[in-house]
Protein backbone atom coordinates (compact mmCIF):
# COMPACT_ATOMS: atom_id res chain seq x y z
CA MET A 1 0.00 0.00 0.00
CA GLY A 2 1.27 3.49 -0.88
CA LYS A 3 1.00 6.70 1.05
CA CYS A 4 1.65 10.41 0.61
CA HIS A 5 1.76 12.60 3.71
CA HIS A 6 2.17 16.35 3.63
CA SER A 7 1.55 18.93 6.32
CA ALA A 8 2.02 22.61 7.03
CA VAL A 9 1.40 25.19 9.70
CA ILE A 10 -0.83 27.92 8.30
CA ASN A 11 -0.79 31.38 9.85
CA ALA A 12 -4.56 31.63 10.32
CA PRO A 13 -7.18 30.29 12.74
CA VAL A 14 -8.72 26.89 12.05
CA GLU A 15 -12.12 28.38 11.18
CA GLU A 16 -10.65 30.54 8.39
CA VAL A 17 -8.60 27.74 6.88
CA TRP A 18 -11.49 25.28 7.16
CA GLN A 19 -13.91 27.66 5.41
CA LEU A 20 -11.53 27.76 2.46
CA LEU A 21 -10.87 24.01 2.29
CA ARG A 22 -14.33 22.57 3.01
CA ASN A 23 -15.84 23.49 -0.37
CA PHE A 24 -14.95 20.50 -2.56
CA HIS A 25 -15.88 22.53 -5.64
CA ASP A 26 -13.40 25.34 -4.98
CA LEU A 27 -9.66 25.02 -5.44
CA SER A 28 -9.26 28.61 -6.66
CA TRP A 29 -6.68 29.16 -3.91
CA THR A 30 -4.12 26.98 -5.72
CA ALA A 31 -2.59 27.51 -9.14
CA ALA A 32 -1.81 23.77 -9.26
CA ILE A 33 -5.33 23.17 -10.58
CA GLU A 34 -6.12 25.03 -13.79
CA THR A 35 -9.76 23.93 -14.05
CA LEU A 36 -12.27 22.40 -11.67
CA GLU A 37 -15.58 21.29 -13.09
CA PRO A 38 -18.31 20.20 -10.64
CA VAL A 39 -19.99 16.99 -11.85
CA GLY A 40 -23.59 16.29 -10.94
CA ASP A 41 -25.99 18.22 -8.73
CA ALA A 42 -24.40 17.85 -5.28
CA ARG A 43 -23.04 21.03 -3.68
CA GLY A 44 -19.36 21.20 -2.78
CA ASP A 45 -20.14 20.57 0.90
CA GLN A 46 -22.33 17.50 0.33
CA VAL A 47 -21.06 13.95 0.59
CA GLY A 48 -21.15 12.50 -2.92
CA ALA A 49 -20.05 15.76 -4.58
CA ARG A 50 -17.94 15.02 -7.62
CA ARG A 51 -15.39 17.10 -9.49
CA LEU A 52 -13.16 16.88 -12.54
CA LEU A 53 -9.72 18.46 -12.11
CA ASN A 54 -7.79 19.77 -15.11
CA GLY A 55 -10.18 17.87 -17.38
CA ALA A 56 -8.59 14.58 -16.34
CA ILE A 57 -8.83 13.65 -12.65
CA SER A 58 -12.19 12.49 -11.27
CA GLU A 59 -12.73 12.77 -7.51
CA THR A 60 -15.65 12.17 -5.16
CA LEU A 61 -16.21 13.63 -1.69
CA ARG A 62 -16.70 10.69 0.72
CA SER A 63 -17.06 12.50 4.04
CA LEU A 64 -17.09 16.01 5.46
CA ASN A 65 -17.03 16.75 9.19
CA ASP A 66 -17.34 20.41 10.18
CA LEU A 67 -16.89 19.63 13.88
CA GLU A 68 -13.58 17.82 13.33
CA HIS A 69 -12.53 20.03 10.36
CA THR A 70 -11.79 17.07 8.11
CA PHE A 71 -12.90 15.63 4.80
CA GLN A 72 -12.14 12.50 2.82
CA TYR A 73 -12.23 12.08 -0.93
CA GLN A 74 -11.58 9.35 -3.46
CA ILE A 75 -9.86 9.51 -6.82
CA THR A 76 -12.00 7.42 -9.15
CA ASP A 77 -10.14 7.96 -12.44
CA GLY A 78 -7.40 9.97 -14.06
CA PRO A 79 -4.33 9.65 -16.21
CA SER A 80 -1.88 6.86 -15.52
CA PRO A 81 -0.76 6.10 -12.81
CA ILE A 82 -4.07 7.12 -11.15
CA SER A 83 -6.42 5.74 -13.78
CA LYS A 84 -9.16 3.35 -12.71
CA ASP A 85 -7.16 0.62 -14.46
CA ASP A 86 -4.04 1.43 -12.39
CA LEU A 87 -5.71 1.80 -8.96
CA LYS A 88 -7.37 -0.60 -6.58
CA PHE A 89 -8.22 2.39 -4.37
CA TYR A 90 -7.07 5.94 -3.64
CA TYR A 91 -8.37 7.89 -0.64
CA GLY A 92 -7.24 11.26 0.64
CA THR A 93 -7.93 12.79 4.04
CA VAL A 94 -7.49 16.48 4.78
CA SER A 95 -7.55 17.62 8.41
CA VAL A 96 -7.22 21.07 9.98
CA LEU A 97 -6.17 21.22 13.63
CA PRO A 98 -5.54 24.23 15.88
CA VAL A 99 -2.04 25.30 16.85
CA THR A 100 -3.34 26.98 19.98
CA ASP A 101 -0.25 28.84 21.15
CA GLU A 102 0.01 30.67 17.81
CA ASN A 103 -3.68 30.97 16.79
CA ALA A 104 -2.62 29.08 13.67
CA SER A 105 -3.65 25.86 11.93
CA PHE A 106 -1.93 22.58 11.27
CA VAL A 107 -3.10 21.11 7.95
CA SER A 108 -2.46 17.44 7.28
CA TRP A 109 -3.03 15.97 3.80
CA ILE A 110 -2.67 12.19 3.77
CA THR A 111 -3.45 9.90 0.86
CA ARG A 112 -3.47 6.13 0.86
CA PHE A 113 -3.65 4.02 -2.24
CA GLU A 114 -3.00 0.66 -3.78
CA SER A 115 -1.96 0.71 -7.41
CA LYS A 116 -0.05 -1.24 -10.01
CA ASP A 117 3.10 0.59 -8.88
CA ASP A 118 2.76 2.46 -5.59
CA ALA A 119 6.16 4.17 -5.95
CA VAL A 120 5.22 5.63 -9.35
CA THR A 121 1.82 6.72 -8.00
CA GLN A 122 3.47 8.45 -5.05
CA GLU A 123 6.00 10.15 -7.33
CA PHE A 124 3.12 11.42 -9.50
CA CYS A 125 0.98 12.67 -6.59
CA ASP A 126 3.50 14.07 -4.08
CA PRO A 127 4.18 17.29 -6.02
CA PHE A 128 0.46 18.16 -6.09
CA TYR A 129 0.07 18.00 -2.32
CA SER A 130 3.26 19.89 -1.51
CA THR A 131 2.19 22.59 -4.00
CA PHE A 132 -1.34 22.72 -2.54
CA LEU A 133 0.02 23.34 0.94
CA ALA A 134 2.59 25.89 -0.26
CA HIS A 135 -0.20 27.85 -1.98
CA LEU A 136 -2.43 27.57 1.10
CA LYS A 137 0.38 28.84 3.31
CA ALA A 138 1.05 31.76 0.95
CA ARG A 139 -2.63 32.70 0.90
CA PHE A 140 -2.56 33.35 4.64
CA ALA A 141 0.95 34.84 4.83
């Protein structure tokens, strides 16, 4: 089983960071995603919401917990090595926790997957998550 784990301390309270991240249909805060197309009728804060990233990566929101400031999503298709033919499963979990002594937030982005070649999948995905967190950090700098 493969895993990507990225984290960052964001210079903003949990509530502000969470409000930005919780909308599954909005990644406007990162230049890593050129286009995001909502798929279907579900809102971006409803379990089952689907999106198409950069015209190629299909994802579905599996859970959203406002109390715990966390959501989970699944990649259901995309280019190799994250195509449905390459993956058994791919789940990501994003969590926002308070850094209480700084009134800041700790954001953890963990993905777990099983694919034809977990090392290649990790090499493909790691740059996205590190870029996402760098852009998030810059937004609140």
